[in-house]
Amino acid sequence: MPFSATPVKQAVAARMVGDKYAVIDSSFDGYQDTLFDHLGRHYYKRCVISGGIDFIFGYAQSHFEGCTVNVTAGNYEPKKGFGSITAHGRKSPAENGGFVFKSCAVTGKGNVLLGRPWEPYARVIFYESNLSDVVLPIGWDAWHAKGQEEHITFVEYNCTGAGADKSHRVPWLKKASLDDIRSLIDISFINQDGWIDKLPIKL
């Protein structure tokens, strides 16, 4: 059977469950549910994460710095519509989880949302990142939090690129100031006890 006729199904490439993981110069390749960033505090630097649907998902509290988010939605099912980069799970405001993309690049082929909530208090921030034209103008979807959009924290701040135009974004997208997100984009968000400073290599 030719590859183009082979069914494409979800498969997790990596599941991160422990606390205090640092992942550097690594690649995660898949289509749906590529990186299950499940639980704990994680730091990804200069990684390449590829996929088409919810390919960075989970409940974790993570920083992605200088990473390439490579959209593959257009490679396999160009007629299906569009995918989503993130599906973050945060069940209540008391939970610390959140995905922060800092100085990252969204590239690839196809059309995607930046994210959709797996749980109603999902938190995802794209900060000073380059968003290519693979990002759909609406940017985000309420998915599992329809009717609870006020709980969702989806933020884009000072991003560039053809996909960074926010004029057609969903109306409930958070209009946050730098002061509003400063505590989240700072490395202290995941480094409260200084574990990153104690790693055997300098990041």
N, C-alpha and C. Protein backbone atom coordinates (compact mmCIF):
# COMPACT_ATOMS: atom_id res chain seq x y z
N MET A 1 0.85 -1.18 0.00
CA MET A 1 0.00 0.00 0.00
C MET A 1 0.89 1.24 0.00
N PRO A 2 0.66 2.20 -0.88
CA PRO A 2 1.47 3.42 -0.88
C PRO A 2 1.29 4.19 0.41
N PHE A 3 2.33 4.93 0.79
CA PHE A 3 2.28 5.66 2.06
C PHE A 3 1.09 6.59 2.13
N SER A 4 0.76 7.24 1.02
CA SER A 4 -0.33 8.22 1.02
C SER A 4 -1.68 7.58 1.36
N ALA A 5 -1.79 6.24 1.16
CA ALA A 5 -3.05 5.55 1.44
C ALA A 5 -3.04 4.89 2.83
N THR A 6 -1.92 4.97 3.52
CA THR A 6 -1.82 4.36 4.84
C THR A 6 -2.54 5.22 5.87
N PRO A 7 -3.44 4.63 6.66
CA PRO A 7 -4.14 5.43 7.68
C PRO A 7 -3.15 6.04 8.66
N VAL A 8 -3.37 7.28 9.02
CA VAL A 8 -2.53 7.97 10.00
C VAL A 8 -3.31 8.07 11.30
N LYS A 9 -2.76 7.51 12.37
CA LYS A 9 -3.44 7.49 13.65
C LYS A 9 -2.56 8.10 14.73
N GLN A 10 -3.19 8.43 15.87
CA GLN A 10 -2.43 9.05 16.95
C GLN A 10 -1.47 8.05 17.58
N ALA A 11 -0.30 8.56 17.95
CA ALA A 11 0.70 7.76 18.63
C ALA A 11 1.63 8.69 19.39
N VAL A 12 1.77 8.45 20.67
CA VAL A 12 2.62 9.30 21.49
C VAL A 12 4.09 8.94 21.27
N ALA A 13 4.90 9.95 20.92
CA ALA A 13 6.33 9.73 20.75
C ALA A 13 7.06 9.76 22.08
N ALA A 14 6.61 10.63 23.00
CA ALA A 14 7.23 10.71 24.32
C ALA A 14 6.18 11.16 25.34
N ARG A 15 6.27 10.58 26.53
CA ARG A 15 5.38 10.96 27.62
C ARG A 15 6.24 11.41 28.80
N MET A 16 6.09 12.66 29.19
CA MET A 16 6.91 13.24 30.26
C MET A 16 6.06 13.32 31.53
N VAL A 17 6.39 12.49 32.52
CA VAL A 17 5.58 12.39 33.72
C VAL A 17 6.30 12.92 34.95
N GLY A 18 7.61 12.79 35.03
CA GLY A 18 8.34 13.20 36.21
C GLY A 18 8.53 14.70 36.31
N ASP A 19 8.98 15.14 37.48
CA ASP A 19 9.24 16.55 37.73
C ASP A 19 10.69 16.88 37.41
N LYS A 20 10.95 18.13 37.02
CA LYS A 20 12.30 18.66 36.79
C LYS A 20 13.03 17.95 35.65
N TYR A 21 12.44 17.98 34.46
CA TYR A 21 13.09 17.48 33.25
C TYR A 21 13.62 18.65 32.45
N ALA A 22 14.84 18.53 31.95
CA ALA A 22 15.39 19.48 30.98
C ALA A 22 15.72 18.70 29.72
N VAL A 23 15.17 19.14 28.60
CA VAL A 23 15.35 18.46 27.33
C VAL A 23 15.95 19.46 26.34
N ILE A 24 17.13 19.15 25.82
CA ILE A 24 17.87 20.11 25.00
C ILE A 24 18.24 19.47 23.66
N ASP A 25 18.09 20.26 22.59
CA ASP A 25 18.51 19.84 21.25
C ASP A 25 17.97 18.46 20.88
N SER A 26 16.70 18.25 21.14
CA SER A 26 16.07 16.96 20.85
C SER A 26 14.92 17.14 19.87
N SER A 27 14.50 16.03 19.28
CA SER A 27 13.42 16.07 18.29
C SER A 27 12.34 15.06 18.66
N PHE A 28 11.09 15.51 18.52
CA PHE A 28 9.93 14.64 18.75
C PHE A 28 9.10 14.68 17.48
N ASP A 29 8.91 13.53 16.85
CA ASP A 29 8.22 13.48 15.57
C ASP A 29 6.97 12.62 15.66
N GLY A 30 5.87 13.15 15.14
CA GLY A 30 4.63 12.41 15.12
C GLY A 30 3.57 13.17 14.35
N TYR A 31 2.33 12.79 14.55
CA TYR A 31 1.23 13.47 13.87
C TYR A 31 0.21 13.96 14.90
N GLN A 32 -0.46 13.02 15.57
CA GLN A 32 -1.40 13.40 16.63
C GLN A 32 -0.84 12.96 17.98
N ASP A 33 -0.88 13.88 18.97
CA ASP A 33 -0.42 13.58 20.33
C ASP A 33 1.06 13.22 20.37
N THR A 34 1.89 13.96 19.67
CA THR A 34 3.32 13.65 19.62
C THR A 34 3.97 13.69 20.98
N LEU A 35 3.87 14.83 21.67
CA LEU A 35 4.53 15.01 22.96
C LEU A 35 3.46 15.11 24.05
N PHE A 36 3.37 14.06 24.85
CA PHE A 36 2.45 14.05 25.99
C PHE A 36 3.21 14.66 27.16
N ASP A 37 3.09 15.96 27.31
CA ASP A 37 3.75 16.69 28.39
C ASP A 37 2.83 16.60 29.60
N HIS A 38 2.88 15.44 30.22
CA HIS A 38 1.83 15.01 31.15
C HIS A 38 1.84 15.80 32.46
N LEU A 39 2.85 15.58 33.29
CA LEU A 39 2.86 16.18 34.62
C LEU A 39 4.28 16.62 35.00
N GLY A 40 4.39 17.63 35.85
CA GLY A 40 5.68 18.07 36.34
C GLY A 40 6.13 19.36 35.70
N ARG A 41 7.33 19.80 36.09
CA ARG A 41 7.95 21.01 35.55
C ARG A 41 9.03 20.61 34.56
N HIS A 42 8.92 21.15 33.35
CA HIS A 42 9.82 20.74 32.28
C HIS A 42 10.36 21.94 31.53
N TYR A 43 11.59 21.81 31.05
CA TYR A 43 12.24 22.87 30.28
C TYR A 43 12.76 22.28 28.98
N TYR A 44 12.26 22.79 27.87
CA TYR A 44 12.69 22.34 26.55
C TYR A 44 13.45 23.48 25.88
N LYS A 45 14.65 23.20 25.39
CA LYS A 45 15.44 24.25 24.73
C LYS A 45 15.96 23.74 23.39
N ARG A 46 15.74 24.54 22.36
CA ARG A 46 16.19 24.24 20.98
C ARG A 46 15.73 22.86 20.51
N CYS A 47 14.53 22.49 20.89
CA CYS A 47 13.96 21.22 20.44
C CYS A 47 13.10 21.43 19.18
N VAL A 48 12.89 20.37 18.44
CA VAL A 48 11.99 20.38 17.29
C VAL A 48 10.84 19.42 17.61
N ILE A 49 9.63 19.93 17.59
CA ILE A 49 8.46 19.12 17.91
C ILE A 49 7.52 19.18 16.72
N SER A 50 7.27 18.03 16.11
CA SER A 50 6.48 17.97 14.87
C SER A 50 5.17 17.24 15.08
N GLY A 51 4.13 17.73 14.41
CA GLY A 51 2.84 17.06 14.47
C GLY A 51 1.75 17.88 13.81
N GLY A 52 0.54 17.33 13.85
CA GLY A 52 -0.57 18.00 13.18
C GLY A 52 -1.77 18.28 14.08
N ILE A 53 -2.05 17.38 15.04
CA ILE A 53 -3.24 17.53 15.88
C ILE A 53 -2.86 17.38 17.35
N ASP A 54 -3.12 18.42 18.14
CA ASP A 54 -2.88 18.37 19.59
C ASP A 54 -1.50 17.78 19.90
N PHE A 55 -0.50 18.19 19.15
CA PHE A 55 0.76 17.45 19.23
C PHE A 55 1.68 17.88 20.37
N ILE A 56 1.26 18.88 21.14
CA ILE A 56 1.90 19.16 22.43
C ILE A 56 0.74 19.26 23.42
N PHE A 57 0.58 18.25 24.27
CA PHE A 57 -0.61 18.21 25.11
C PHE A 57 -0.28 17.68 26.50
N GLY A 58 -1.12 17.98 27.45
CA GLY A 58 -0.92 17.48 28.80
C GLY A 58 -1.21 18.53 29.85
N TYR A 59 -0.86 18.22 31.09
CA TYR A 59 -1.16 19.05 32.26
C TYR A 59 0.08 19.74 32.82
N ALA A 60 1.22 19.58 32.18
CA ALA A 60 2.50 20.00 32.75
C ALA A 60 2.65 21.52 32.84
N GLN A 61 3.69 21.91 33.53
CA GLN A 61 4.08 23.30 33.73
C GLN A 61 5.42 23.45 33.03
N SER A 62 5.41 23.93 31.78
CA SER A 62 6.60 23.82 30.93
C SER A 62 6.96 25.09 30.19
N HIS A 63 8.27 25.27 30.02
CA HIS A 63 8.81 26.33 29.18
C HIS A 63 9.42 25.69 27.94
N PHE A 64 9.07 26.24 26.78
CA PHE A 64 9.67 25.85 25.51
C PHE A 64 10.43 27.08 25.02
N GLU A 65 11.75 27.01 24.99
CA GLU A 65 12.55 28.18 24.63
C GLU A 65 13.40 27.90 23.40
N GLY A 66 13.26 28.77 22.40
CA GLY A 66 14.04 28.61 21.18
C GLY A 66 13.73 27.34 20.43
N CYS A 67 12.52 26.82 20.59
CA CYS A 67 12.13 25.56 19.94
C CYS A 67 11.47 25.83 18.57
N THR A 68 11.51 24.82 17.72
CA THR A 68 10.80 24.85 16.45
C THR A 68 9.57 23.95 16.56
N VAL A 69 8.42 24.54 16.35
CA VAL A 69 7.16 23.80 16.37
C VAL A 69 6.79 23.58 14.91
N ASN A 70 6.98 22.35 14.44
CA ASN A 70 6.86 22.03 13.02
C ASN A 70 5.53 21.36 12.71
N VAL A 71 4.69 22.07 11.97
CA VAL A 71 3.35 21.58 11.66
C VAL A 71 3.40 20.63 10.47
N THR A 72 2.86 19.43 10.65
CA THR A 72 2.84 18.43 9.58
C THR A 72 1.43 18.10 9.10
N ALA A 73 0.47 18.89 9.51
CA ALA A 73 -0.93 18.62 9.15
C ALA A 73 -1.12 18.52 7.65
N GLY A 74 -0.41 19.33 6.88
CA GLY A 74 -0.57 19.32 5.43
C GLY A 74 0.13 18.18 4.73
N ASN A 75 0.97 17.44 5.43
CA ASN A 75 1.71 16.35 4.80
C ASN A 75 0.87 15.10 4.59
N TYR A 76 -0.07 14.86 5.52
CA TYR A 76 -0.77 13.58 5.53
C TYR A 76 -2.23 13.67 5.11
N GLU A 77 -2.94 14.66 5.60
CA GLU A 77 -4.37 14.74 5.32
C GLU A 77 -4.73 16.18 4.91
N PRO A 78 -4.25 16.60 3.74
CA PRO A 78 -4.47 18.01 3.35
C PRO A 78 -5.93 18.39 3.20
N LYS A 79 -6.82 17.42 3.04
CA LYS A 79 -8.24 17.74 2.85
C LYS A 79 -9.04 17.69 4.16
N LYS A 80 -8.39 17.31 5.25
CA LYS A 80 -9.12 17.11 6.51
C LYS A 80 -9.56 18.43 7.14
N GLY A 81 -8.84 19.48 6.89
CA GLY A 81 -9.20 20.76 7.49
C GLY A 81 -8.01 21.37 8.18
N PHE A 82 -7.99 21.29 9.51
CA PHE A 82 -6.87 21.88 10.23
C PHE A 82 -6.65 21.14 11.55
N GLY A 83 -5.50 21.37 12.11
CA GLY A 83 -5.14 20.74 13.36
C GLY A 83 -4.96 21.77 14.46
N SER A 84 -4.26 21.35 15.51
CA SER A 84 -4.01 22.23 16.66
C SER A 84 -2.65 21.88 17.25
N ILE A 85 -1.88 22.92 17.59
CA ILE A 85 -0.56 22.68 18.17
C ILE A 85 -0.69 22.17 19.60
N THR A 86 -1.43 22.90 20.44
CA THR A 86 -1.50 22.53 21.85
C THR A 86 -2.90 22.12 22.29
N ALA A 87 -2.93 21.27 23.30
CA ALA A 87 -4.16 20.92 24.00
C ALA A 87 -3.78 20.82 25.47
N HIS A 88 -3.82 21.95 26.16
CA HIS A 88 -3.37 21.97 27.55
C HIS A 88 -4.50 21.63 28.50
N GLY A 89 -4.16 20.91 29.57
CA GLY A 89 -5.13 20.54 30.57
C GLY A 89 -4.84 21.23 31.89
N ARG A 90 -5.76 22.00 32.36
CA ARG A 90 -5.67 22.64 33.69
C ARG A 90 -7.10 22.70 34.20
N LYS A 91 -7.38 21.98 35.27
CA LYS A 91 -8.77 21.80 35.70
C LYS A 91 -9.29 22.92 36.59
N SER A 92 -8.38 23.65 37.24
CA SER A 92 -8.82 24.71 38.15
C SER A 92 -7.74 25.78 38.24
N PRO A 93 -8.10 26.97 38.73
CA PRO A 93 -7.09 28.03 38.87
C PRO A 93 -6.05 27.71 39.94
N ALA A 94 -6.29 26.70 40.75
CA ALA A 94 -5.33 26.31 41.79
C ALA A 94 -4.18 25.48 41.22
N GLU A 95 -4.35 24.95 40.02
CA GLU A 95 -3.30 24.13 39.41
C GLU A 95 -2.25 25.03 38.76
N ASN A 96 -0.99 24.61 38.81
CA ASN A 96 0.12 25.43 38.34
C ASN A 96 0.46 25.27 36.87
N GLY A 97 -0.20 24.37 36.18
CA GLY A 97 0.18 24.03 34.82
C GLY A 97 0.11 25.19 33.82
N GLY A 98 0.84 25.01 32.74
CA GLY A 98 0.82 25.99 31.66
C GLY A 98 1.95 25.72 30.69
N PHE A 99 1.73 26.01 29.42
CA PHE A 99 2.77 25.90 28.39
C PHE A 99 3.18 27.30 27.98
N VAL A 100 4.47 27.61 28.06
CA VAL A 100 4.99 28.90 27.65
C VAL A 100 5.98 28.68 26.51
N PHE A 101 5.69 29.29 25.35
CA PHE A 101 6.57 29.22 24.19
C PHE A 101 7.27 30.56 24.05
N LYS A 102 8.58 30.55 24.27
CA LYS A 102 9.36 31.78 24.32
C LYS A 102 10.42 31.75 23.22
N SER A 103 10.39 32.74 22.34
CA SER A 103 11.36 32.82 21.23
C SER A 103 11.35 31.55 20.40
N CYS A 104 10.17 31.04 20.13
CA CYS A 104 10.02 29.83 19.32
C CYS A 104 9.63 30.19 17.88
N ALA A 105 9.62 29.19 17.01
CA ALA A 105 9.21 29.38 15.62
C ALA A 105 8.18 28.33 15.25
N VAL A 106 7.04 28.78 14.74
CA VAL A 106 6.01 27.86 14.25
C VAL A 106 6.13 27.82 12.74
N THR A 107 6.46 26.65 12.21
CA THR A 107 6.71 26.49 10.78
C THR A 107 5.93 25.27 10.28
N GLY A 108 6.15 24.91 9.01
CA GLY A 108 5.61 23.67 8.50
C GLY A 108 4.63 23.81 7.37
N LYS A 109 3.71 22.84 7.29
CA LYS A 109 2.79 22.74 6.16
C LYS A 109 1.41 22.36 6.67
N GLY A 110 0.41 23.08 6.18
CA GLY A 110 -0.97 22.82 6.61
C GLY A 110 -1.53 24.02 7.33
N ASN A 111 -2.60 23.81 8.06
CA ASN A 111 -3.26 24.87 8.83
C ASN A 111 -3.53 24.39 10.24
N VAL A 112 -3.19 25.23 11.22
CA VAL A 112 -3.39 24.83 12.61
C VAL A 112 -3.89 25.99 13.45
N LEU A 113 -4.51 25.62 14.55
CA LEU A 113 -4.77 26.55 15.65
C LEU A 113 -3.54 26.53 16.55
N LEU A 114 -3.33 27.60 17.27
CA LEU A 114 -2.26 27.60 18.26
C LEU A 114 -2.61 26.70 19.44
N GLY A 115 -3.90 26.56 19.71
CA GLY A 115 -4.28 25.67 20.79
C GLY A 115 -5.76 25.59 21.01
N ARG A 116 -6.14 24.60 21.80
CA ARG A 116 -7.52 24.42 22.25
C ARG A 116 -7.46 23.77 23.63
N PRO A 117 -8.38 24.08 24.51
CA PRO A 117 -8.29 23.60 25.89
C PRO A 117 -8.75 22.16 26.07
N TRP A 118 -7.90 21.38 26.67
CA TRP A 118 -8.27 20.02 27.06
C TRP A 118 -9.11 20.08 28.32
N GLU A 119 -8.82 21.07 29.17
CA GLU A 119 -9.58 21.32 30.38
C GLU A 119 -9.92 22.82 30.43
N PRO A 120 -10.93 23.24 31.20
CA PRO A 120 -11.46 24.61 31.10
C PRO A 120 -10.52 25.73 31.54
N TYR A 121 -9.47 25.41 32.32
CA TYR A 121 -8.55 26.47 32.77
C TYR A 121 -7.20 26.38 32.05
N ALA A 122 -7.22 25.88 30.85
CA ALA A 122 -6.00 25.73 30.06
C ALA A 122 -5.22 27.05 29.99
N ARG A 123 -3.88 26.93 29.95
CA ARG A 123 -3.03 28.13 29.93
C ARG A 123 -1.88 27.92 28.94
N VAL A 124 -1.86 28.74 27.88
CA VAL A 124 -0.83 28.66 26.86
C VAL A 124 -0.43 30.08 26.46
N ILE A 125 0.87 30.32 26.42
CA ILE A 125 1.38 31.64 26.04
C ILE A 125 2.41 31.50 24.93
N PHE A 126 2.25 32.27 23.87
CA PHE A 126 3.28 32.41 22.84
C PHE A 126 3.88 33.80 23.01
N TYR A 127 5.16 33.84 23.36
CA TYR A 127 5.83 35.10 23.69
C TYR A 127 7.02 35.32 22.76
N GLU A 128 7.01 36.45 22.08
CA GLU A 128 8.11 36.83 21.18
C GLU A 128 8.53 35.67 20.29
N SER A 129 7.53 35.03 19.70
CA SER A 129 7.77 33.90 18.80
C SER A 129 7.38 34.27 17.38
N ASN A 130 7.93 33.56 16.41
CA ASN A 130 7.62 33.80 15.01
C ASN A 130 6.58 32.78 14.55
N LEU A 131 5.44 33.29 14.12
CA LEU A 131 4.33 32.42 13.70
C LEU A 131 4.18 32.54 12.18
N SER A 132 4.40 31.46 11.49
CA SER A 132 4.27 31.48 10.02
C SER A 132 2.80 31.43 9.62
N ASP A 133 2.55 31.42 8.31
CA ASP A 133 1.18 31.46 7.81
C ASP A 133 0.44 30.14 7.97
N VAL A 134 1.05 29.14 8.61
CA VAL A 134 0.30 27.91 8.92
C VAL A 134 -0.73 28.16 10.01
N VAL A 135 -0.54 29.23 10.79
CA VAL A 135 -1.48 29.55 11.88
C VAL A 135 -2.74 30.19 11.30
N LEU A 136 -3.87 29.62 11.60
CA LEU A 136 -5.15 30.13 11.10
C LEU A 136 -5.47 31.49 11.72
N PRO A 137 -6.14 32.37 10.99
CA PRO A 137 -6.46 33.71 11.52
C PRO A 137 -7.20 33.70 12.85
N ILE A 138 -8.09 32.70 13.08
CA ILE A 138 -8.83 32.69 14.36
C ILE A 138 -7.91 32.31 15.53
N GLY A 139 -6.85 31.61 15.25
CA GLY A 139 -5.82 31.33 16.24
C GLY A 139 -6.10 30.23 17.25
N TRP A 140 -7.30 30.20 17.80
CA TRP A 140 -7.61 29.33 18.93
C TRP A 140 -9.05 28.81 18.83
N ASP A 141 -9.36 27.79 19.64
CA ASP A 141 -10.73 27.28 19.71
C ASP A 141 -11.05 26.95 21.16
N ALA A 142 -12.32 27.08 21.56
CA ALA A 142 -12.71 26.84 22.95
C ALA A 142 -12.91 25.35 23.26
N TRP A 143 -13.19 24.53 22.28
CA TRP A 143 -13.25 23.07 22.38
C TRP A 143 -13.91 22.59 23.68
N HIS A 144 -13.19 21.99 24.61
CA HIS A 144 -13.78 21.43 25.83
C HIS A 144 -14.20 22.49 26.85
N ALA A 145 -13.97 23.75 26.53
CA ALA A 145 -14.33 24.82 27.47
C ALA A 145 -15.35 25.78 26.86
N LYS A 146 -16.11 25.32 25.89
CA LYS A 146 -17.14 26.19 25.30
C LYS A 146 -18.11 26.63 26.39
N GLY A 147 -18.38 27.91 26.43
CA GLY A 147 -19.22 28.46 27.47
C GLY A 147 -18.46 28.84 28.73
N GLN A 148 -17.18 28.49 28.77
CA GLN A 148 -16.33 28.83 29.92
C GLN A 148 -15.07 29.57 29.47
N GLU A 149 -15.21 30.30 28.37
CA GLU A 149 -14.05 30.94 27.77
C GLU A 149 -13.33 31.90 28.72
N GLU A 150 -14.06 32.46 29.69
CA GLU A 150 -13.43 33.41 30.61
C GLU A 150 -12.36 32.75 31.48
N HIS A 151 -12.40 31.41 31.58
CA HIS A 151 -11.41 30.69 32.40
C HIS A 151 -10.13 30.40 31.63
N ILE A 152 -10.19 30.45 30.31
CA ILE A 152 -9.05 30.08 29.48
C ILE A 152 -8.01 31.20 29.47
N THR A 153 -6.74 30.83 29.62
CA THR A 153 -5.66 31.81 29.49
C THR A 153 -4.84 31.45 28.25
N PHE A 154 -5.23 32.00 27.13
CA PHE A 154 -4.47 31.90 25.89
C PHE A 154 -3.98 33.30 25.57
N VAL A 155 -2.67 33.45 25.40
CA VAL A 155 -2.08 34.78 25.21
C VAL A 155 -1.03 34.72 24.10
N GLU A 156 -1.03 35.75 23.27
CA GLU A 156 0.06 35.99 22.32
C GLU A 156 0.62 37.37 22.63
N TYR A 157 1.93 37.43 22.81
CA TYR A 157 2.53 38.72 23.14
C TYR A 157 3.78 38.96 22.31
N ASN A 158 3.76 40.05 21.55
CA ASN A 158 4.92 40.51 20.79
C ASN A 158 5.44 39.44 19.84
N CYS A 159 4.53 38.74 19.18
CA CYS A 159 4.92 37.73 18.19
C CYS A 159 5.02 38.37 16.81
N THR A 160 5.75 37.72 15.92
CA THR A 160 5.96 38.23 14.57
C THR A 160 5.61 37.14 13.55
N GLY A 161 5.65 37.52 12.27
CA GLY A 161 5.40 36.55 11.21
C GLY A 161 4.01 36.68 10.62
N ALA A 162 3.81 35.99 9.49
CA ALA A 162 2.55 36.08 8.75
C ALA A 162 1.36 35.56 9.54
N GLY A 163 1.60 34.69 10.52
CA GLY A 163 0.50 34.14 11.31
C GLY A 163 0.26 34.86 12.62
N ALA A 164 0.94 36.00 12.83
CA ALA A 164 0.84 36.71 14.11
C ALA A 164 -0.19 37.82 14.12
N ASP A 165 -0.87 38.04 13.00
CA ASP A 165 -1.90 39.08 12.94
C ASP A 165 -3.09 38.67 13.80
N LYS A 166 -3.39 39.45 14.83
CA LYS A 166 -4.45 39.09 15.78
C LYS A 166 -5.79 39.75 15.46
N SER A 167 -5.90 40.39 14.32
CA SER A 167 -7.12 41.13 14.01
C SER A 167 -8.34 40.23 13.81
N HIS A 168 -8.12 38.95 13.51
CA HIS A 168 -9.24 38.03 13.29
C HIS A 168 -9.27 36.90 14.33
N ARG A 169 -8.59 37.09 15.43
CA ARG A 169 -8.57 36.08 16.47
C ARG A 169 -9.93 35.96 17.15
N VAL A 170 -10.12 34.85 17.87
CA VAL A 170 -11.36 34.66 18.63
C VAL A 170 -11.54 35.84 19.59
N PRO A 171 -12.76 36.31 19.78
CA PRO A 171 -12.97 37.52 20.59
C PRO A 171 -12.61 37.37 22.06
N TRP A 172 -12.55 36.14 22.57
CA TRP A 172 -12.26 35.93 23.98
C TRP A 172 -10.76 35.77 24.27
N LEU A 173 -9.91 35.92 23.26
CA LEU A 173 -8.47 35.81 23.48
C LEU A 173 -8.03 36.86 24.50
N LYS A 174 -7.23 36.45 25.49
CA LYS A 174 -6.80 37.36 26.54
C LYS A 174 -5.96 38.51 25.97
N LYS A 175 -6.30 39.73 26.37
CA LYS A 175 -5.53 40.91 25.99
C LYS A 175 -4.63 41.27 27.17
N ALA A 176 -3.54 40.55 27.29
CA ALA A 176 -2.68 40.67 28.46
C ALA A 176 -1.54 41.65 28.21
N SER A 177 -1.16 42.36 29.26
CA SER A 177 0.00 43.23 29.21
C SER A 177 1.23 42.43 29.63
N LEU A 178 2.40 43.01 29.43
CA LEU A 178 3.63 42.34 29.85
C LEU A 178 3.61 42.08 31.36
N ASP A 179 3.10 43.02 32.12
CA ASP A 179 3.02 42.83 33.57
C ASP A 179 2.12 41.66 33.93
N ASP A 180 1.07 41.45 33.13
CA ASP A 180 0.14 40.35 33.40
C ASP A 180 0.80 38.98 33.26
N ILE A 181 1.74 38.87 32.35
CA ILE A 181 2.33 37.56 32.06
C ILE A 181 3.78 37.42 32.52
N ARG A 182 4.31 38.48 33.13
CA ARG A 182 5.74 38.48 33.49
C ARG A 182 6.11 37.27 34.35
N SER A 183 5.29 36.92 35.31
CA SER A 183 5.62 35.81 36.20
C SER A 183 5.55 34.46 35.49
N LEU A 184 4.86 34.40 34.36
CA LEU A 184 4.73 33.15 33.62
C LEU A 184 5.86 32.98 32.61
N ILE A 185 6.26 34.07 31.96
CA ILE A 185 7.31 33.96 30.94
C ILE A 185 8.70 33.91 31.55
N ASP A 186 8.83 34.30 32.81
CA ASP A 186 10.13 34.21 33.49
C ASP A 186 10.40 32.75 33.85
N ILE A 187 11.69 32.38 33.81
CA ILE A 187 12.06 30.99 34.09
C ILE A 187 11.66 30.57 35.50
N SER A 188 11.45 31.53 36.39
CA SER A 188 11.03 31.21 37.76
C SER A 188 9.68 30.50 37.79
N PHE A 189 8.92 30.59 36.70
CA PHE A 189 7.63 29.89 36.62
C PHE A 189 7.81 28.40 36.84
N ILE A 190 8.94 27.85 36.35
CA ILE A 190 9.21 26.42 36.53
C ILE A 190 10.42 26.16 37.42
N ASN A 191 11.08 27.22 37.87
CA ASN A 191 12.36 27.09 38.57
C ASN A 191 12.30 27.68 39.97
N GLN A 192 11.18 27.53 40.64
CA GLN A 192 10.99 28.15 41.95
C GLN A 192 12.05 27.73 42.96
N ASP A 193 12.48 26.47 42.91
CA ASP A 193 13.45 25.97 43.88
C ASP A 193 14.87 25.92 43.31
N GLY A 194 15.09 26.52 42.14
CA GLY A 194 16.42 26.62 41.57
C GLY A 194 16.98 25.35 40.96
N TRP A 195 16.11 24.40 40.59
CA TRP A 195 16.61 23.13 40.06
C TRP A 195 17.36 23.27 38.75
N ILE A 196 16.96 24.23 37.91
CA ILE A 196 17.64 24.41 36.63
C ILE A 196 19.08 24.87 36.85
N ASP A 197 19.30 25.72 37.85
CA ASP A 197 20.65 26.21 38.14
C ASP A 197 21.57 25.10 38.64
N LYS A 198 21.00 24.01 39.12
CA LYS A 198 21.80 22.92 39.68
C LYS A 198 22.10 21.81 38.67
N LEU A 199 21.63 21.98 37.44
CA LEU A 199 21.90 20.96 36.43
C LEU A 199 23.39 20.89 36.11
N PRO A 200 23.89 19.72 35.71
CA PRO A 200 25.32 19.58 35.44
C PRO A 200 25.81 20.32 34.20
N ILE A 201 24.89 20.78 33.37
CA ILE A 201 25.27 21.58 32.21
C ILE A 201 24.58 22.93 32.30
N LYS A 202 25.22 23.96 31.76
CA LYS A 202 24.66 25.29 31.78
C LYS A 202 23.70 25.47 30.59
N LEU A 203 22.51 25.99 30.88
CA LEU A 203 21.51 26.20 29.83
C LEU A 203 21.48 27.65 29.41
